[in-house]
Amino acid sequence: VPIIAPGTIASFDKFAIGENVVAGNAMARRSFYAF
């Protein structure tokens, strides 16, 4: 089962995971408010 995605695999991994880790605590707190 292939998984097809935009960008290189390294780039997709970087942005998919990094967005929720690098600023994860701050983003979580803001998300509780916004959502």
Full PDB file with SEQRES, HELIX, SHEET, SSBOND, CRYST1, ORIGX, SCALE, CONECT and MASTER records, all heavy atoms in Angstrom:
SEQRES   1 A   35  VAL PRO ILE ILE ALA PRO GLY THR ILE ALA SER PHE ASP          
SEQRES   2 A   35  LYS PHE ALA ILE GLY GLU ASN VAL VAL ALA GLY ASN ALA          
SEQRES   3 A   35  MET ALA ARG ARG SER PHE TYR ALA PHE                          
HELIX    1 AA1 ILE A    9  VAL A   21  1                                  13    
HELIX    2 AA2 GLY A   24  ALA A   34  1                                  11    
CRYST1    1.000    1.000    1.000  90.00  90.00  90.00 P 1           1          
ORIGX1      1.000000  0.000000  0.000000        0.00000                         
ORIGX2      0.000000  1.000000  0.000000        0.00000                         
ORIGX3      0.000000  0.000000  1.000000        0.00000                         
SCALE1      1.000000  0.000000  0.000000        0.00000                         
SCALE2      0.000000  1.000000  0.000000        0.00000                         
SCALE3      0.000000  0.000000  1.000000        0.00000                         
ATOM      1  N   VAL A   1       0.860  -1.192   0.000  1.00  0.00           N  
ATOM      2  CA  VAL A   1       0.000   0.000   0.000  1.00  0.00           C  
ATOM      3  C   VAL A   1       0.891   1.236   0.000  1.00  0.00           C  
ATOM      4  O   VAL A   1       1.464   1.591   1.041  1.00  0.00           O  
ATOM      5  CB  VAL A   1      -0.945   0.020   1.212  1.00  0.00           C  
ATOM      6  CG1 VAL A   1      -1.813   1.283   1.182  1.00  0.00           C  
ATOM      7  CG2 VAL A   1      -1.827  -1.223   1.241  1.00  0.00           C  
ATOM      8  N   PRO A   2       1.047   1.903  -1.131  1.00  0.00           N  
ATOM      9  CA  PRO A   2       1.831   3.143  -1.139  1.00  0.00           C  
ATOM     10  C   PRO A   2       1.078   4.283  -0.469  1.00  0.00           C  
ATOM     11  O   PRO A   2      -0.158   4.303  -0.453  1.00  0.00           O  
ATOM     12  CB  PRO A   2       2.024   3.410  -2.637  1.00  0.00           C  
ATOM     13  CG  PRO A   2       0.826   2.781  -3.279  1.00  0.00           C  
ATOM     14  CD  PRO A   2       0.511   1.559  -2.462  1.00  0.00           C  
ATOM     15  N   ILE A   3       1.812   5.218   0.095  1.00  0.00           N  
ATOM     16  CA  ILE A   3       1.237   6.460   0.602  1.00  0.00           C  
ATOM     17  C   ILE A   3       1.827   7.592  -0.228  1.00  0.00           C  
ATOM     18  O   ILE A   3       3.045   7.821  -0.217  1.00  0.00           O  
ATOM     19  CB  ILE A   3       1.537   6.668   2.095  1.00  0.00           C  
ATOM     20  CG1 ILE A   3       0.892   5.555   2.924  1.00  0.00           C  
ATOM     21  CG2 ILE A   3       1.026   8.038   2.547  1.00  0.00           C  
ATOM     22  CD1 ILE A   3       1.100   5.689   4.426  1.00  0.00           C  
ATOM     23  N   ILE A   4       0.967   8.252  -0.953  1.00  0.00           N  
ATOM     24  CA  ILE A   4       1.369   9.295  -1.898  1.00  0.00           C  
ATOM     25  C   ILE A   4       1.137  10.655  -1.243  1.00  0.00           C  
ATOM     26  O   ILE A   4       0.084  10.897  -0.654  1.00  0.00           O  
ATOM     27  CB  ILE A   4       0.549   9.183  -3.198  1.00  0.00           C  
ATOM     28  CG1 ILE A   4       0.701   7.771  -3.787  1.00  0.00           C  
ATOM     29  CG2 ILE A   4       0.965  10.241  -4.210  1.00  0.00           C  
ATOM     30  CD1 ILE A   4      -0.303   7.459  -4.889  1.00  0.00           C  
ATOM     31  N   ALA A   5       2.117  11.546  -1.353  1.00  0.00           N  
ATOM     32  CA  ALA A   5       2.007  12.838  -0.673  1.00  0.00           C  
ATOM     33  C   ALA A   5       2.809  13.890  -1.420  1.00  0.00           C  
ATOM     34  O   ALA A   5       3.740  13.569  -2.162  1.00  0.00           O  
ATOM     35  CB  ALA A   5       2.508  12.721   0.765  1.00  0.00           C  
ATOM     36  N   PRO A   6       2.486  15.166  -1.219  1.00  0.00           N  
ATOM     37  CA  PRO A   6       3.221  16.249  -1.881  1.00  0.00           C  
ATOM     38  C   PRO A   6       4.574  16.498  -1.239  1.00  0.00           C  
ATOM     39  O   PRO A   6       4.747  16.348  -0.025  1.00  0.00           O  
ATOM     40  CB  PRO A   6       2.294  17.456  -1.705  1.00  0.00           C  
ATOM     41  CG  PRO A   6       1.537  17.160  -0.447  1.00  0.00           C  
ATOM     42  CD  PRO A   6       1.343  15.675  -0.430  1.00  0.00           C  
ATOM     43  N   GLY A   7       5.546  16.900  -2.062  1.00  0.00           N  
ATOM     44  CA  GLY A   7       6.880  17.187  -1.565  1.00  0.00           C  
ATOM     45  C   GLY A   7       7.707  15.926  -1.439  1.00  0.00           C  
ATOM     46  O   GLY A   7       7.216  14.810  -1.640  1.00  0.00           O  
ATOM     47  N   THR A   8       8.966  16.098  -1.129  1.00  0.00           N  
ATOM     48  CA  THR A   8       9.801  14.933  -0.865  1.00  0.00           C  
ATOM     49  C   THR A   8       9.358  14.283   0.435  1.00  0.00           C  
ATOM     50  O   THR A   8       8.692  14.910   1.273  1.00  0.00           O  
ATOM     51  CB  THR A   8      11.273  15.327  -0.756  1.00  0.00           C  
ATOM     52  OG1 THR A   8      11.440  16.155   0.406  1.00  0.00           O  
ATOM     53  CG2 THR A   8      11.745  16.073  -2.008  1.00  0.00           C  
ATOM     54  N   ILE A   9       9.722  13.045   0.628  1.00  0.00           N  
ATOM     55  CA  ILE A   9       9.370  12.356   1.869  1.00  0.00           C  
ATOM     56  C   ILE A   9       9.965  13.088   3.066  1.00  0.00           C  
ATOM     57  O   ILE A   9       9.295  13.307   4.080  1.00  0.00           O  
ATOM     58  CB  ILE A   9       9.834  10.895   1.818  1.00  0.00           C  
ATOM     59  CG1 ILE A   9       9.046  10.132   0.747  1.00  0.00           C  
ATOM     60  CG2 ILE A   9       9.663  10.224   3.184  1.00  0.00           C  
ATOM     61  CD1 ILE A   9       9.550   8.744   0.470  1.00  0.00           C  
ATOM     62  N   ALA A  10      11.218  13.514   2.946  1.00  0.00           N  
ATOM     63  CA  ALA A  10      11.862  14.233   4.048  1.00  0.00           C  
ATOM     64  C   ALA A  10      11.146  15.541   4.348  1.00  0.00           C  
ATOM     65  O   ALA A  10      10.960  15.912   5.520  1.00  0.00           O  
ATOM     66  CB  ALA A  10      13.323  14.502   3.705  1.00  0.00           C  
ATOM     67  N   SER A  11      10.735  16.251   3.299  1.00  0.00           N  
ATOM     68  CA  SER A  11      10.045  17.522   3.499  1.00  0.00           C  
ATOM     69  C   SER A  11       8.675  17.303   4.133  1.00  0.00           C  
ATOM     70  O   SER A  11       8.278  18.027   5.056  1.00  0.00           O  
ATOM     71  CB  SER A  11       9.904  18.256   2.168  1.00  0.00           C  
ATOM     72  OG  SER A  11       9.190  19.452   2.328  1.00  0.00           O  
ATOM     73  N   PHE A  12       7.937  16.303   3.649  1.00  0.00           N  
ATOM     74  CA  PHE A  12       6.617  16.042   4.217  1.00  0.00           C  
ATOM     75  C   PHE A  12       6.745  15.661   5.686  1.00  0.00           C  
ATOM     76  O   PHE A  12       6.010  16.182   6.542  1.00  0.00           O  
ATOM     77  CB  PHE A  12       5.900  14.942   3.435  1.00  0.00           C  
ATOM     78  CG  PHE A  12       4.424  14.872   3.735  1.00  0.00           C  
ATOM     79  CD1 PHE A  12       3.511  15.545   2.948  1.00  0.00           C  
ATOM     80  CD2 PHE A  12       3.951  14.144   4.826  1.00  0.00           C  
ATOM     81  CE1 PHE A  12       2.149  15.504   3.227  1.00  0.00           C  
ATOM     82  CE2 PHE A  12       2.597  14.101   5.129  1.00  0.00           C  
ATOM     83  CZ  PHE A  12       1.691  14.774   4.322  1.00  0.00           C  
ATOM     84  N   ASP A  13       7.671  14.764   5.999  1.00  0.00           N  
ATOM     85  CA  ASP A  13       7.886  14.376   7.394  1.00  0.00           C  
ATOM     86  C   ASP A  13       8.227  15.589   8.258  1.00  0.00           C  
ATOM     87  O   ASP A  13       7.703  15.760   9.363  1.00  0.00           O  
ATOM     88  CB  ASP A  13       9.029  13.371   7.490  1.00  0.00           C  
ATOM     89  CG  ASP A  13       8.641  11.961   7.067  1.00  0.00           C  
ATOM     90  OD1 ASP A  13       7.437  11.687   6.939  1.00  0.00           O  
ATOM     91  OD2 ASP A  13       9.552  11.141   6.871  1.00  0.00           O  
ATOM     92  N   LYS A  14       9.111  16.417   7.745  1.00  0.00           N  
ATOM     93  CA  LYS A  14       9.567  17.586   8.502  1.00  0.00           C  
ATOM     94  C   LYS A  14       8.395  18.484   8.894  1.00  0.00           C  
ATOM     95  O   LYS A  14       8.268  18.900  10.058  1.00  0.00           O  
ATOM     96  CB  LYS A  14      10.575  18.369   7.662  1.00  0.00           C  
ATOM     97  CG  LYS A  14      10.952  19.730   8.238  1.00  0.00           C  
ATOM     98  CD  LYS A  14      11.840  20.502   7.270  1.00  0.00           C  
ATOM     99  CE  LYS A  14      12.088  21.927   7.752  1.00  0.00           C  
ATOM    100  NZ  LYS A  14      12.912  22.693   6.784  1.00  0.00           N  
ATOM    101  N   PHE A  15       7.536  18.784   7.919  1.00  0.00           N  
ATOM    102  CA  PHE A  15       6.452  19.729   8.204  1.00  0.00           C  
ATOM    103  C   PHE A  15       5.288  19.070   8.930  1.00  0.00           C  
ATOM    104  O   PHE A  15       4.653  19.690   9.783  1.00  0.00           O  
ATOM    105  CB  PHE A  15       5.982  20.391   6.911  1.00  0.00           C  
ATOM    106  CG  PHE A  15       6.984  21.356   6.342  1.00  0.00           C  
ATOM    107  CD1 PHE A  15       7.604  21.112   5.125  1.00  0.00           C  
ATOM    108  CD2 PHE A  15       7.321  22.503   7.027  1.00  0.00           C  
ATOM    109  CE1 PHE A  15       8.536  21.999   4.604  1.00  0.00           C  
ATOM    110  CE2 PHE A  15       8.250  23.398   6.519  1.00  0.00           C  
ATOM    111  CZ  PHE A  15       8.858  23.140   5.307  1.00  0.00           C  
ATOM    112  N   ALA A  16       5.005  17.802   8.609  1.00  0.00           N  
ATOM    113  CA  ALA A  16       3.893  17.120   9.263  1.00  0.00           C  
ATOM    114  C   ALA A  16       4.173  16.906  10.746  1.00  0.00           C  
ATOM    115  O   ALA A  16       3.299  17.135  11.594  1.00  0.00           O  
ATOM    116  CB  ALA A  16       3.622  15.781   8.574  1.00  0.00           C  
ATOM    117  N   ILE A  17       5.374  16.463  11.060  1.00  0.00           N  
ATOM    118  CA  ILE A  17       5.708  16.158  12.445  1.00  0.00           C  
ATOM    119  C   ILE A  17       6.195  17.410  13.179  1.00  0.00           C  
ATOM    120  O   ILE A  17       5.790  17.684  14.308  1.00  0.00           O  
ATOM    121  CB  ILE A  17       6.774  15.053  12.507  1.00  0.00           C  
ATOM    122  CG1 ILE A  17       6.227  13.767  11.860  1.00  0.00           C  
ATOM    123  CG2 ILE A  17       7.185  14.774  13.945  1.00  0.00           C  
ATOM    124  CD1 ILE A  17       7.265  12.684  11.672  1.00  0.00           C  
ATOM    125  N   GLY A  18       7.051  18.171  12.509  1.00  0.00           N  
ATOM    126  CA  GLY A  18       7.669  19.309  13.168  1.00  0.00           C  
ATOM    127  C   GLY A  18       6.684  20.341  13.657  1.00  0.00           C  
ATOM    128  O   GLY A  18       6.856  20.935  14.728  1.00  0.00           O  
ATOM    129  N   GLU A  19       5.607  20.571  12.891  1.00  0.00           N  
ATOM    130  CA  GLU A  19       4.635  21.588  13.284  1.00  0.00           C  
ATOM    131  C   GLU A  19       4.033  21.288  14.644  1.00  0.00           C  
ATOM    132  O   GLU A  19       3.715  22.190  15.413  1.00  0.00           O  
ATOM    133  CB  GLU A  19       3.520  21.663  12.232  1.00  0.00           C  
ATOM    134  CG  GLU A  19       2.448  22.679  12.556  1.00  0.00           C  
ATOM    135  CD  GLU A  19       1.404  22.822  11.473  1.00  0.00           C  
ATOM    136  OE1 GLU A  19       0.413  22.077  11.518  1.00  0.00           O  
ATOM    137  OE2 GLU A  19       1.585  23.661  10.586  1.00  0.00           O  
ATOM    138  N   ASN A  20       3.884  19.993  14.959  1.00  0.00           N  
ATOM    139  CA  ASN A  20       3.235  19.602  16.201  1.00  0.00           C  
ATOM    140  C   ASN A  20       4.217  19.295  17.325  1.00  0.00           C  
ATOM    141  O   ASN A  20       3.803  18.946  18.422  1.00  0.00           O  
ATOM    142  CB  ASN A  20       2.357  18.372  15.942  1.00  0.00           C  
ATOM    143  CG  ASN A  20       1.284  18.658  14.917  1.00  0.00           C  
ATOM    144  OD1 ASN A  20       0.326  19.345  15.195  1.00  0.00           O  
ATOM    145  ND2 ASN A  20       1.468  18.153  13.703  1.00  0.00           N  
ATOM    146  N   VAL A  21       5.521  19.403  17.050  1.00  0.00           N  
ATOM    147  CA  VAL A  21       6.529  19.078  18.059  1.00  0.00           C  
ATOM    148  C   VAL A  21       7.330  20.314  18.446  1.00  0.00           C  
ATOM    149  O   VAL A  21       7.452  20.651  19.627  1.00  0.00           O  
ATOM    150  CB  VAL A  21       7.466  17.963  17.549  1.00  0.00           C  
ATOM    151  CG1 VAL A  21       8.592  17.726  18.551  1.00  0.00           C  
ATOM    152  CG2 VAL A  21       6.675  16.671  17.323  1.00  0.00           C  
ATOM    153  N   VAL A  22       7.872  21.010  17.454  1.00  0.00           N  
ATOM    154  CA  VAL A  22       8.764  22.135  17.735  1.00  0.00           C  
ATOM    155  C   VAL A  22       8.071  23.197  18.590  1.00  0.00           C  
ATOM    156  O   VAL A  22       8.646  23.722  19.545  1.00  0.00           O  
ATOM    157  CB  VAL A  22       9.274  22.755  16.414  1.00  0.00           C  
ATOM    158  CG1 VAL A  22      10.093  23.993  16.688  1.00  0.00           C  
ATOM    159  CG2 VAL A  22      10.111  21.725  15.651  1.00  0.00           C  
ATOM    160  N   ALA A  23       6.828  23.505  18.258  1.00  0.00           N  
ATOM    161  CA  ALA A  23       6.052  24.470  19.051  1.00  0.00           C  
ATOM    162  C   ALA A  23       4.816  23.794  19.627  1.00  0.00           C  
ATOM    163  O   ALA A  23       3.765  24.419  19.795  1.00  0.00           O  
ATOM    164  CB  ALA A  23       5.662  25.663  18.189  1.00  0.00           C  
ATOM    165  N   GLY A  24       4.950  22.520  19.967  1.00  0.00           N  
ATOM    166  CA  GLY A  24       3.784  21.722  20.346  1.00  0.00           C  
ATOM    167  C   GLY A  24       3.042  22.234  21.553  1.00  0.00           C  
ATOM    168  O   GLY A  24       1.813  22.319  21.548  1.00  0.00           O  
ATOM    169  N   ASN A  25       3.753  22.585  22.631  1.00  0.00           N  
ATOM    170  CA  ASN A  25       3.070  23.064  23.835  1.00  0.00           C  
ATOM    171  C   ASN A  25       2.326  24.364  23.571  1.00  0.00           C  
ATOM    172  O   ASN A  25       1.168  24.542  23.979  1.00  0.00           O  
ATOM    173  CB  ASN A  25       4.075  23.255  24.967  1.00  0.00           C  
ATOM    174  CG  ASN A  25       4.522  21.933  25.574  1.00  0.00           C  
ATOM    175  OD1 ASN A  25       3.933  20.895  25.301  1.00  0.00           O  
ATOM    176  ND2 ASN A  25       5.561  21.972  26.381  1.00  0.00           N  
ATOM    177  N   ALA A  26       2.985  25.293  22.925  1.00  0.00           N  
ATOM    178  CA  ALA A  26       2.354  26.583  22.640  1.00  0.00           C  
ATOM    179  C   ALA A  26       1.161  26.396  21.713  1.00  0.00           C  
ATOM    180  O   ALA A  26       0.093  26.993  21.917  1.00  0.00           O  
ATOM    181  CB  ALA A  26       3.370  27.536  22.010  1.00  0.00           C  
ATOM    182  N   MET A  27       1.327  25.564  20.690  1.00  0.00           N  
ATOM    183  CA  MET A  27       0.244  25.344  19.736  1.00  0.00           C  
ATOM    184  C   MET A  27      -0.955  24.659  20.398  1.00  0.00           C  
ATOM    185  O   MET A  27      -2.107  25.001  20.122  1.00  0.00           O  
ATOM    186  CB  MET A  27       0.743  24.520  18.550  1.00  0.00           C  
ATOM    187  CG  MET A  27      -0.275  24.393  17.443  1.00  0.00           C  
ATOM    188  SD  MET A  27       0.318  23.386  16.067  1.00  0.00           S  
ATOM    189  CE  MET A  27       1.680  24.400  15.483  1.00  0.00           C  
ATOM    190  N   ALA A  28      -0.677  23.708  21.292  1.00  0.00           N  
ATOM    191  CA  ALA A  28      -1.765  23.017  21.970  1.00  0.00           C  
ATOM    192  C   ALA A  28      -2.591  23.997  22.803  1.00  0.00           C  
ATOM    193  O   ALA A  28      -3.822  23.992  22.753  1.00  0.00           O  
ATOM    194  CB  ALA A  28      -1.213  21.907  22.852  1.00  0.00           C  
ATOM    195  N   ARG A  29      -1.901  24.839  23.549  1.00  0.00           N  
ATOM    196  CA  ARG A  29      -2.599  25.806  24.397  1.00  0.00           C  
ATOM    197  C   ARG A  29      -3.452  26.756  23.545  1.00  0.00           C  
ATOM    198  O   ARG A  29      -4.608  27.025  23.849  1.00  0.00           O  
ATOM    199  CB  ARG A  29      -1.574  26.594  25.213  1.00  0.00           C  
ATOM    200  CG  ARG A  29      -2.143  27.736  26.037  1.00  0.00           C  
ATOM    201  CD  ARG A  29      -3.000  27.240  27.181  1.00  0.00           C  
ATOM    202  NE  ARG A  29      -3.459  28.362  27.990  1.00  0.00           N  
ATOM    203  CZ  ARG A  29      -4.446  28.289  28.846  1.00  0.00           C  
ATOM    204  NH1 ARG A  29      -5.090  27.159  29.021  1.00  0.00           N  
ATOM    205  NH2 ARG A  29      -4.808  29.345  29.540  1.00  0.00           N  
ATOM    206  N   ARG A  30      -2.877  27.257  22.479  1.00  0.00           N  
ATOM    207  CA  ARG A  30      -3.619  28.156  21.598  1.00  0.00           C  
ATOM    208  C   ARG A  30      -4.792  27.430  20.938  1.00  0.00           C  
ATOM    209  O   ARG A  30      -5.865  28.017  20.742  1.00  0.00           O  
ATOM    210  CB  ARG A  30      -2.680  28.735  20.546  1.00  0.00           C  
ATOM    211  CG  ARG A  30      -1.632  29.692  21.115  1.00  0.00           C  
ATOM    212  CD  ARG A  30      -0.460  29.899  20.180  1.00  0.00           C  
ATOM    213  NE  ARG A  30      -0.837  30.608  18.980  1.00  0.00           N  
ATOM    214  CZ  ARG A  30      -0.369  31.797  18.619  1.00  0.00           C  
ATOM    215  NH1 ARG A  30       0.516  32.407  19.384  1.00  0.00           N  
ATOM    216  NH2 ARG A  30      -0.747  32.370  17.508  1.00  0.00           N  
ATOM    217  N   SER A  31      -4.593  26.165  20.609  1.00  0.00           N  
ATOM    218  CA  SER A  31      -5.660  25.396  19.966  1.00  0.00           C  
ATOM    219  C   SER A  31      -6.837  25.182  20.908  1.00  0.00           C  
ATOM    220  O   SER A  31      -7.993  25.189  20.479  1.00  0.00           O  
ATOM    221  CB  SER A  31      -5.123  24.042  19.492  1.00  0.00           C  
ATOM    222  OG  SER A  31      -4.186  24.215  18.447  1.00  0.00           O  
ATOM    223  N   PHE A  32      -6.568  24.952  22.213  1.00  0.00           N  
ATOM    224  CA  PHE A  32      -7.668  24.798  23.158  1.00  0.00           C  
ATOM    225  C   PHE A  32      -8.549  26.038  23.169  1.00  0.00           C  
ATOM    226  O   PHE A  32      -9.773  25.948  23.288  1.00  0.00           O  
ATOM    227  CB  PHE A  32      -7.131  24.563  24.581  1.00  0.00           C  
ATOM    228  CG  PHE A  32      -6.310  23.315  24.746  1.00  0.00           C  
ATOM    229  CD1 PHE A  32      -5.306  23.258  25.699  1.00  0.00           C  
ATOM    230  CD2 PHE A  32      -6.531  22.205  23.950  1.00  0.00           C  
ATOM    231  CE1 PHE A  32      -4.535  22.109  25.856  1.00  0.00           C  
ATOM    232  CE2 PHE A  32      -5.768  21.051  24.102  1.00  0.00           C  
ATOM    233  CZ  PHE A  32      -4.771  21.006  25.056  1.00  0.00           C  
ATOM    234  N   TYR A  33      -7.930  27.204  23.054  1.00  0.00           N  
ATOM    235  CA  TYR A  33      -8.687  28.451  22.983  1.00  0.00           C  
ATOM    236  C   TYR A  33      -9.426  28.566  21.641  1.00  0.00           C  
ATOM    237  O   TYR A  33     -10.638  28.774  21.595  1.00  0.00           O  
ATOM    238  CB  TYR A  33      -7.740  29.641  23.160  1.00  0.00           C  
ATOM    239  CG  TYR A  33      -7.673  30.199  24.564  1.00  0.00           C  
ATOM    240  CD1 TYR A  33      -7.476  29.368  25.665  1.00  0.00           C  
ATOM    241  CD2 TYR A  33      -7.799  31.559  24.789  1.00  0.00           C  
ATOM    242  CE1 TYR A  33      -7.416  29.887  26.944  1.00  0.00           C  
ATOM    243  CE2 TYR A  33      -7.737  32.087  26.071  1.00  0.00           C  
ATOM    244  CZ  TYR A  33      -7.553  31.254  27.143  1.00  0.00           C  
ATOM    245  OH  TYR A  33      -7.498  31.774  28.413  1.00  0.00           O  
ATOM    246  N   ALA A  34      -8.683  28.447  20.551  1.00  0.00           N  
ATOM    247  CA  ALA A  34      -9.266  28.719  19.236  1.00  0.00           C  
ATOM    248  C   ALA A  34     -10.361  27.735  18.860  1.00  0.00           C  
ATOM    249  O   ALA A  34     -11.359  28.110  18.238  1.00  0.00           O  
ATOM    250  CB  ALA A  34      -8.162  28.719  18.168  1.00  0.00           C  
ATOM    251  N   PHE A  35     -10.196  26.462  19.240  1.00  0.00           N  
ATOM    252  CA  PHE A  35     -11.154  25.441  18.837  1.00  0.00           C  
ATOM    253  C   PHE A  35     -12.088  25.025  19.966  1.00  0.00           C  
ATOM    254  O   PHE A  35     -12.767  24.004  19.871  1.00  0.00           O  
ATOM    255  CB  PHE A  35     -10.424  24.223  18.272  1.00  0.00           C  
ATOM    256  CG  PHE A  35      -9.651  24.532  17.025  1.00  0.00           C  
ATOM    257  CD1 PHE A  35      -8.322  24.183  16.909  1.00  0.00           C  
ATOM    258  CD2 PHE A  35     -10.244  25.195  15.963  1.00  0.00           C  
ATOM    259  CE1 PHE A  35      -7.592  24.470  15.755  1.00  0.00           C  
ATOM    260  CE2 PHE A  35      -9.531  25.497  14.812  1.00  0.00           C  
ATOM    261  CZ  PHE A  35      -8.212  25.135  14.703  1.00  0.00           C  
TER     262      PHE A  35                                                      
MASTER        0    0    0    2    0    0    0    6  261    1    0    3          
END                                                                             
